[in-house]
Amino acid sequence: MTIKRSLAIRGHRTSITLEDAFWLRLTMVAEEAGRSTADYVALIDETRDPETNLSSAIRVHLLEDALARIGNTKKDAAL
């Protein structure tokens, strides 16, 4: 299920729409990094391409993180 969630990042409210599996993974990765979910989303927001919406940037970030954890690189994962 896809759910819209509101967060405060860098002092302003924003909303993201993520499937439950992505939300769960996002909270786990944030916790592993010792950050709140909102703080971790702020880091993703700071580094994303301005033409990419935040929800998509989060999904891509989590995919790249998962691939890195299993030893693949962006180059190796290209289709």
PDB file of N, CA and C in Angstrom:
ATOM      1  N   MET A   1       0.822  -1.165   0.000  1.00  0.00           N
ATOM      2  CA  MET A   1       0.000   0.000   0.000  1.00  0.00           C
ATOM      3  C   MET A   1       0.881   1.249   0.000  1.00  0.00           C
ATOM      4  N   THR A   2       0.476   2.246  -0.754  1.00  0.00           N
ATOM      5  CA  THR A   2       1.190   3.513  -0.815  1.00  0.00           C
ATOM      6  C   THR A   2       0.525   4.498   0.139  1.00  0.00           C
ATOM      7  N   ILE A   3       1.328   5.120   0.989  1.00  0.00           N
ATOM      8  CA  ILE A   3       0.799   6.042   1.986  1.00  0.00           C
ATOM      9  C   ILE A   3       1.556   7.360   1.909  1.00  0.00           C
ATOM     10  N   LYS A   4       0.807   8.455   2.016  1.00  0.00           N
ATOM     11  CA  LYS A   4       1.401   9.786   2.068  1.00  0.00           C
ATOM     12  C   LYS A   4       1.732  10.089   3.525  1.00  0.00           C
ATOM     13  N   ARG A   5       2.968  10.503   3.759  1.00  0.00           N
ATOM     14  CA  ARG A   5       3.414  10.821   5.117  1.00  0.00           C
ATOM     15  C   ARG A   5       3.993  12.232   5.126  1.00  0.00           C
ATOM     16  N   SER A   6       3.787  12.934   6.223  1.00  0.00           N
ATOM     17  CA  SER A   6       4.314  14.294   6.372  1.00  0.00           C
ATOM     18  C   SER A   6       5.524  14.272   7.290  1.00  0.00           C
ATOM     19  N   LEU A   7       6.517  15.056   6.922  1.00  0.00           N
ATOM     20  CA  LEU A   7       7.745  15.181   7.711  1.00  0.00           C
ATOM     21  C   LEU A   7       8.145  16.650   7.766  1.00  0.00           C
ATOM     22  N   ALA A   8       8.885  17.003   8.779  1.00  0.00           N
ATOM     23  CA  ALA A   8       9.504  18.328   8.841  1.00  0.00           C
ATOM     24  C   ALA A   8      10.986  18.140   8.543  1.00  0.00           C
ATOM     25  N   ILE A   9      11.454  18.755   7.458  1.00  0.00           N
ATOM     26  CA  ILE A   9      12.881  18.696   7.138  1.00  0.00           C
ATOM     27  C   ILE A   9      13.405  20.119   6.987  1.00  0.00           C
ATOM     28  N   ARG A  10      14.494  20.360   7.665  1.00  0.00           N
ATOM     29  CA  ARG A  10      15.118  21.676   7.672  1.00  0.00           C
ATOM     30  C   ARG A  10      14.110  22.794   7.944  1.00  0.00           C
ATOM     31  N   GLY A  11      13.218  22.537   8.892  1.00  0.00           N
ATOM     32  CA  GLY A  11      12.296  23.572   9.334  1.00  0.00           C
ATOM     33  C   GLY A  11      11.036  23.767   8.509  1.00  0.00           C
ATOM     34  N   HIS A  12      10.830  22.967   7.479  1.00  0.00           N
ATOM     35  CA  HIS A  12       9.572  23.093   6.735  1.00  0.00           C
ATOM     36  C   HIS A  12       8.908  21.736   6.574  1.00  0.00           C
ATOM     37  N   ARG A  13       7.601  21.769   6.485  1.00  0.00           N
ATOM     38  CA  ARG A  13       6.825  20.536   6.317  1.00  0.00           C
ATOM     39  C   ARG A  13       6.843  20.124   4.853  1.00  0.00           C
ATOM     40  N   THR A  14       6.959  18.840   4.632  1.00  0.00           N
ATOM     41  CA  THR A  14       6.866  18.287   3.293  1.00  0.00           C
ATOM     42  C   THR A  14       6.173  16.935   3.392  1.00  0.00           C
ATOM     43  N   SER A  15       5.688  16.455   2.291  1.00  0.00           N
ATOM     44  CA  SER A  15       5.070  15.136   2.317  1.00  0.00           C
ATOM     45  C   SER A  15       5.734  14.250   1.278  1.00  0.00           C
ATOM     46  N   ILE A  16       5.778  12.974   1.591  1.00  0.00           N
ATOM     47  CA  ILE A  16       6.319  11.982   0.675  1.00  0.00           C
ATOM     48  C   ILE A  16       5.302  10.858   0.561  1.00  0.00           C
ATOM     49  N   THR A  17       5.268  10.230  -0.581  1.00  0.00           N
ATOM     50  CA  THR A  17       4.373   9.108  -0.808  1.00  0.00           C
ATOM     51  C   THR A  17       5.238   7.893  -1.108  1.00  0.00           C
ATOM     52  N   LEU A  18       5.205   6.927  -0.187  1.00  0.00           N
ATOM     53  CA  LEU A  18       6.026   5.731  -0.327  1.00  0.00           C
ATOM     54  C   LEU A  18       5.199   4.486  -0.012  1.00  0.00           C
ATOM     55  N   GLU A  19       5.535   3.418  -0.676  1.00  0.00           N
ATOM     56  CA  GLU A  19       4.962   2.118  -0.363  1.00  0.00           C
ATOM     57  C   GLU A  19       5.473   1.693   1.012  1.00  0.00           C
ATOM     58  N   ASP A  20       4.692   0.860   1.684  1.00  0.00           N
ATOM     59  CA  ASP A  20       5.057   0.411   3.027  1.00  0.00           C
ATOM     60  C   ASP A  20       6.462  -0.180   3.093  1.00  0.00           C
ATOM     61  N   ALA A  21       6.842  -0.975   2.094  1.00  0.00           N
ATOM     62  CA  ALA A  21       8.169  -1.611   2.107  1.00  0.00           C
ATOM     63  C   ALA A  21       9.283  -0.561   2.070  1.00  0.00           C
ATOM     64  N   PHE A  22       9.107   0.500   1.278  1.00  0.00           N
ATOM     65  CA  PHE A  22      10.121   1.554   1.227  1.00  0.00           C
ATOM     66  C   PHE A  22      10.151   2.338   2.535  1.00  0.00           C
ATOM     67  N   TRP A  23       8.990   2.618   3.116  1.00  0.00           N
ATOM     68  CA  TRP A  23       8.943   3.346   4.386  1.00  0.00           C
ATOM     69  C   TRP A  23       9.648   2.548   5.483  1.00  0.00           C
ATOM     70  N   LEU A  24       9.362   1.270   5.554  1.00  0.00           N
ATOM     71  CA  LEU A  24       9.995   0.417   6.556  1.00  0.00           C
ATOM     72  C   LEU A  24      11.506   0.413   6.380  1.00  0.00           C
ATOM     73  N   ARG A  25      11.967   0.245   5.154  1.00  0.00           N
ATOM     74  CA  ARG A  25      13.419   0.229   4.899  1.00  0.00           C
ATOM     75  C   ARG A  25      14.041   1.588   5.213  1.00  0.00           C
ATOM     76  N   LEU A  26      13.346   2.664   4.858  1.00  0.00           N
ATOM     77  CA  LEU A  26      13.847   4.010   5.153  1.00  0.00           C
ATOM     78  C   LEU A  26      14.042   4.195   6.652  1.00  0.00           C
ATOM     79  N   THR A  27      13.078   3.785   7.441  1.00  0.00           N
ATOM     80  CA  THR A  27      13.211   3.951   8.886  1.00  0.00           C
ATOM     81  C   THR A  27      14.336   3.079   9.440  1.00  0.00           C
ATOM     82  N   MET A  28      14.520   1.895   8.873  1.00  0.00           N
ATOM     83  CA  MET A  28      15.598   1.007   9.333  1.00  0.00           C
ATOM     84  C   MET A  28      16.968   1.583   8.992  1.00  0.00           C
ATOM     85  N   VAL A  29      17.125   2.078   7.771  1.00  0.00           N
ATOM     86  CA  VAL A  29      18.411   2.638   7.347  1.00  0.00           C
ATOM     87  C   VAL A  29      18.722   3.901   8.161  1.00  0.00           C
ATOM     88  N   ALA A  30      17.720   4.726   8.402  1.00  0.00           N
ATOM     89  CA  ALA A  30      17.921   5.928   9.213  1.00  0.00           C
ATOM     90  C   ALA A  30      18.375   5.551  10.622  1.00  0.00           C
ATOM     91  N   GLU A  31      17.715   4.571  11.196  1.00  0.00           N
ATOM     92  CA  GLU A  31      18.077   4.125  12.542  1.00  0.00           C
ATOM     93  C   GLU A  31      19.507   3.584  12.568  1.00  0.00           C
ATOM     94  N   GLU A  32      19.876   2.797  11.557  1.00  0.00           N
ATOM     95  CA  GLU A  32      21.244   2.266  11.484  1.00  0.00           C
ATOM     96  C   GLU A  32      22.269   3.391  11.401  1.00  0.00           C
ATOM     97  N   ALA A  33      21.881   4.498  10.760  1.00  0.00           N
ATOM     98  CA  ALA A  33      22.776   5.648  10.615  1.00  0.00           C
ATOM     99  C   ALA A  33      22.760   6.550  11.857  1.00  0.00           C
ATOM    100  N   GLY A  34      21.930   6.194  12.830  1.00  0.00           N
ATOM    101  CA  GLY A  34      21.853   6.986  14.053  1.00  0.00           C
ATOM    102  C   GLY A  34      21.113   8.299  13.867  1.00  0.00           C
ATOM    103  N   ARG A  35      20.176   8.332  12.920  1.00  0.00           N
ATOM    104  CA  ARG A  35      19.436   9.565  12.618  1.00  0.00           C
ATOM    105  C   ARG A  35      17.944   9.304  12.692  1.00  0.00           C
ATOM    106  N   SER A  36      17.213  10.380  12.865  1.00  0.00           N
ATOM    107  CA  SER A  36      15.763  10.255  12.765  1.00  0.00           C
ATOM    108  C   SER A  36      15.415  10.072  11.284  1.00  0.00           C
ATOM    109  N   THR A  37      14.219   9.583  11.031  1.00  0.00           N
ATOM    110  CA  THR A  37      13.789   9.415   9.640  1.00  0.00           C
ATOM    111  C   THR A  37      13.770  10.760   8.927  1.00  0.00           C
ATOM    112  N   ALA A  38      13.252  11.794   9.593  1.00  0.00           N
ATOM    113  CA  ALA A  38      13.190  13.126   8.976  1.00  0.00           C
ATOM    114  C   ALA A  38      14.584  13.657   8.654  1.00  0.00           C
ATOM    115  N   ASP A  39      15.536  13.452   9.561  1.00  0.00           N
ATOM    116  CA  ASP A  39      16.902  13.910   9.333  1.00  0.00           C
ATOM    117  C   ASP A  39      17.537  13.163   8.160  1.00  0.00           C
ATOM    118  N   TYR A  40      17.274  11.867   8.070  1.00  0.00           N
ATOM    119  CA  TYR A  40      17.819  11.074   6.969  1.00  0.00           C
ATOM    120  C   TYR A  40      17.206  11.513   5.641  1.00  0.00           C
ATOM    121  N   VAL A  41      15.905  11.786   5.642  1.00  0.00           N
ATOM    122  CA  VAL A  41      15.254  12.278   4.425  1.00  0.00           C
ATOM    123  C   VAL A  41      15.852  13.628   4.019  1.00  0.00           C
ATOM    124  N   ALA A  42      16.183  14.464   4.990  1.00  0.00           N
ATOM    125  CA  ALA A  42      16.806  15.756   4.690  1.00  0.00           C
ATOM    126  C   ALA A  42      18.144  15.557   3.971  1.00  0.00           C
ATOM    127  N   LEU A  43      18.917  14.554   4.389  1.00  0.00           N
ATOM    128  CA  LEU A  43      20.189  14.263   3.707  1.00  0.00           C
ATOM    129  C   LEU A  43      19.957  13.847   2.261  1.00  0.00           C
ATOM    130  N   ILE A  44      18.958  13.010   2.043  1.00  0.00           N
ATOM    131  CA  ILE A  44      18.630  12.590   0.679  1.00  0.00           C
ATOM    132  C   ILE A  44      18.181  13.800  -0.136  1.00  0.00           C
ATOM    133  N   ASP A  45      17.366  14.647   0.477  1.00  0.00           N
ATOM    134  CA  ASP A  45      16.861  15.844  -0.190  1.00  0.00           C
ATOM    135  C   ASP A  45      17.994  16.770  -0.621  1.00  0.00           C
ATOM    136  N   GLU A  46      19.002  16.903   0.217  1.00  0.00           N
ATOM    137  CA  GLU A  46      20.138  17.786  -0.082  1.00  0.00           C
ATOM    138  C   GLU A  46      20.945  17.313  -1.285  1.00  0.00           C
ATOM    139  N   THR A  47      20.972  16.019  -1.532  1.00  0.00           N
ATOM    140  CA  THR A  47      21.837  15.479  -2.583  1.00  0.00           C
ATOM    141  C   THR A  47      21.087  15.079  -3.847  1.00  0.00           C
ATOM    142  N   ARG A  48      19.759  15.188  -3.839  1.00  0.00           N
ATOM    143  CA  ARG A  48      19.003  14.741  -5.012  1.00  0.00           C
ATOM    144  C   ARG A  48      19.071  15.750  -6.142  1.00  0.00           C
ATOM    145  N   ASP A  49      18.875  15.263  -7.349  1.00  0.00           N
ATOM    146  CA  ASP A  49      18.747  16.106  -8.527  1.00  0.00           C
ATOM    147  C   ASP A  49      17.487  16.950  -8.346  1.00  0.00           C
ATOM    148  N   PRO A  50      17.565  18.253  -8.545  1.00  0.00           N
ATOM    149  CA  PRO A  50      16.400  19.104  -8.322  1.00  0.00           C
ATOM    150  C   PRO A  50      15.200  18.763  -9.216  1.00  0.00           C
ATOM    151  N   GLU A  51      15.441  18.049 -10.285  1.00  0.00           N
ATOM    152  CA  GLU A  51      14.347  17.673 -11.176  1.00  0.00           C
ATOM    153  C   GLU A  51      13.683  16.358 -10.757  1.00  0.00           C
ATOM    154  N   THR A  52      14.217  15.704  -9.732  1.00  0.00           N
ATOM    155  CA  THR A  52      13.671  14.447  -9.235  1.00  0.00           C
ATOM    156  C   THR A  52      12.835  14.733  -7.998  1.00  0.00           C
ATOM    157  N   ASN A  53      11.610  14.202  -7.961  1.00  0.00           N
ATOM    158  CA  ASN A  53      10.807  14.449  -6.756  1.00  0.00           C
ATOM    159  C   ASN A  53      11.382  13.666  -5.587  1.00  0.00           C
ATOM    160  N   LEU A  54      11.073  14.128  -4.397  1.00  0.00           N
ATOM    161  CA  LEU A  54      11.689  13.573  -3.189  1.00  0.00           C
ATOM    162  C   LEU A  54      11.349  12.100  -2.989  1.00  0.00           C
ATOM    163  N   SER A  55      10.113  11.712  -3.219  1.00  0.00           N
ATOM    164  CA  SER A  55       9.734  10.302  -3.038  1.00  0.00           C
ATOM    165  C   SER A  55      10.544   9.396  -3.957  1.00  0.00           C
ATOM    166  N   SER A  56      10.713   9.806  -5.207  1.00  0.00           N
ATOM    167  CA  SER A  56      11.516   9.022  -6.149  1.00  0.00           C
ATOM    168  C   SER A  56      12.973   8.978  -5.717  1.00  0.00           C
ATOM    169  N   ALA A  57      13.495  10.109  -5.248  1.00  0.00           N
ATOM    170  CA  ALA A  57      14.886  10.155  -4.792  1.00  0.00           C
ATOM    171  C   ALA A  57      15.105   9.204  -3.619  1.00  0.00           C
ATOM    172  N   ILE A  58      14.122   9.107  -2.740  1.00  0.00           N
ATOM    173  CA  ILE A  58      14.233   8.182  -1.603  1.00  0.00           C
ATOM    174  C   ILE A  58      14.265   6.746  -2.099  1.00  0.00           C
ATOM    175  N   ARG A  59      13.377   6.406  -3.027  1.00  0.00           N
ATOM    176  CA  ARG A  59      13.351   5.036  -3.557  1.00  0.00           C
ATOM    177  C   ARG A  59      14.690   4.674  -4.207  1.00  0.00           C
ATOM    178  N   VAL A  60      15.216   5.582  -5.021  1.00  0.00           N
ATOM    179  CA  VAL A  60      16.498   5.330  -5.690  1.00  0.00           C
ATOM    180  C   VAL A  60      17.615   5.202  -4.666  1.00  0.00           C
ATOM    181  N   HIS A  61      17.622   6.072  -3.676  1.00  0.00           N
ATOM    182  CA  HIS A  61      18.644   6.007  -2.631  1.00  0.00           C
ATOM    183  C   HIS A  61      18.614   4.648  -1.922  1.00  0.00           C
ATOM    184  N   LEU A  62      17.411   4.195  -1.582  1.00  0.00           N
ATOM    185  CA  LEU A  62      17.285   2.914  -0.887  1.00  0.00           C
ATOM    186  C   LEU A  62      17.695   1.745  -1.770  1.00  0.00           C
ATOM    187  N   LEU A  63      17.391   1.821  -3.061  1.00  0.00           N
ATOM    188  CA  LEU A  63      17.829   0.778  -3.990  1.00  0.00           C
ATOM    189  C   LEU A  63      19.353   0.749  -4.079  1.00  0.00           C
ATOM    190  N   GLU A  64      19.959   1.922  -4.244  1.00  0.00           N
ATOM    191  CA  GLU A  64      21.421   1.979  -4.333  1.00  0.00           C
ATOM    192  C   GLU A  64      22.067   1.498  -3.039  1.00  0.00           C
ATOM    193  N   ASP A  65      21.471   1.828  -1.906  1.00  0.00           N
ATOM    194  CA  ASP A  65      21.980   1.357  -0.620  1.00  0.00           C
ATOM    195  C   ASP A  65      21.915  -0.163  -0.549  1.00  0.00           C
ATOM    196  N   ALA A  66      20.794  -0.733  -0.960  1.00  0.00           N
ATOM    197  CA  ALA A  66      20.642  -2.192  -0.928  1.00  0.00           C
ATOM    198  C   ALA A  66      21.642  -2.866  -1.848  1.00  0.00           C
ATOM    199  N   LEU A  67      21.828  -2.315  -3.033  1.00  0.00           N
ATOM    200  CA  LEU A  67      22.793  -2.897  -3.972  1.00  0.00           C
ATOM    201  C   LEU A  67      24.211  -2.808  -3.422  1.00  0.00           C
ATOM    202  N   ALA A  68      24.541  -1.696  -2.794  1.00  0.00           N
ATOM    203  CA  ALA A  68      25.878  -1.544  -2.209  1.00  0.00           C
ATOM    204  C   ALA A  68      26.099  -2.568  -1.096  1.00  0.00           C
ATOM    205  N   ARG A  69      25.058  -2.850  -0.349  1.00  0.00           N
ATOM    206  CA  ARG A  69      25.173  -3.819   0.747  1.00  0.00           C
ATOM    207  C   ARG A  69      25.418  -5.234   0.243  1.00  0.00           C
ATOM    208  N   ILE A  70      24.955  -5.536  -0.966  1.00  0.00           N
ATOM    209  CA  ILE A  70      25.205  -6.881  -1.503  1.00  0.00           C
ATOM    210  C   ILE A  70      26.390  -6.903  -2.457  1.00  0.00           C
ATOM    211  N   GLY A  71      27.082  -5.776  -2.548  1.00  0.00           N
ATOM    212  CA  GLY A  71      28.326  -5.746  -3.301  1.00  0.00           C
ATOM    213  C   GLY A  71      28.213  -5.308  -4.742  1.00  0.00           C
ATOM    214  N   ASN A  72      27.047  -4.872  -5.175  1.00  0.00           N
ATOM    215  CA  ASN A  72      26.896  -4.357  -6.539  1.00  0.00           C
ATOM    216  C   ASN A  72      27.160  -2.859  -6.549  1.00  0.00           C
ATOM    217  N   THR A  73      27.577  -2.361  -7.692  1.00  0.00           N
ATOM    218  CA  THR A  73      27.745  -0.930  -7.869  1.00  0.00           C
ATOM    219  C   THR A  73      26.719  -0.462  -8.855  1.00  0.00           C
ATOM    220  N   LYS A  74      26.590   0.855  -9.023  1.00  0.00           N
ATOM    221  CA  LYS A  74      25.658   1.387 -10.007  1.00  0.00           C
ATOM    222  C   LYS A  74      25.971   0.813 -11.384  1.00  0.00           C
ATOM    223  N   LYS A  75      27.263   0.752 -11.725  1.00  0.00           N
ATOM    224  CA  LYS A  75      27.673   0.241 -13.026  1.00  0.00           C
ATOM    225  C   LYS A  75      27.251  -1.216 -13.188  1.00  0.00           C
ATOM    226  N   ASP A  76      27.476  -2.032 -12.145  1.00  0.00           N
ATOM    227  CA  ASP A  76      27.128  -3.439 -12.203  1.00  0.00           C
ATOM    228  C   ASP A  76      25.612  -3.647 -12.305  1.00  0.00           C
ATOM    229  N   ALA A  77      24.846  -2.719 -11.717  1.00  0.00           N
ATOM    230  CA  ALA A  77      23.406  -2.880 -11.656  1.00  0.00           C
ATOM    231  C   ALA A  77      22.690  -2.330 -12.887  1.00  0.00           C
ATOM    232  N   ALA A  78      23.408  -1.646 -13.767  1.00  0.00           N
ATOM    233  CA  ALA A  78      22.772  -1.055 -14.950  1.00  0.00           C
ATOM    234  C   ALA A  78      22.147  -2.147 -15.814  1.00  0.00           C
ATOM    235  N   LEU A  79      20.967  -1.819 -16.328  1.00  0.00           N
ATOM    236  CA  LEU A  79      20.264  -2.788 -17.175  1.00  0.00           C
ATOM    237  C   LEU A  79      20.539  -2.534 -18.636  1.00  0.00           C
TER     238      LEU A  79
END
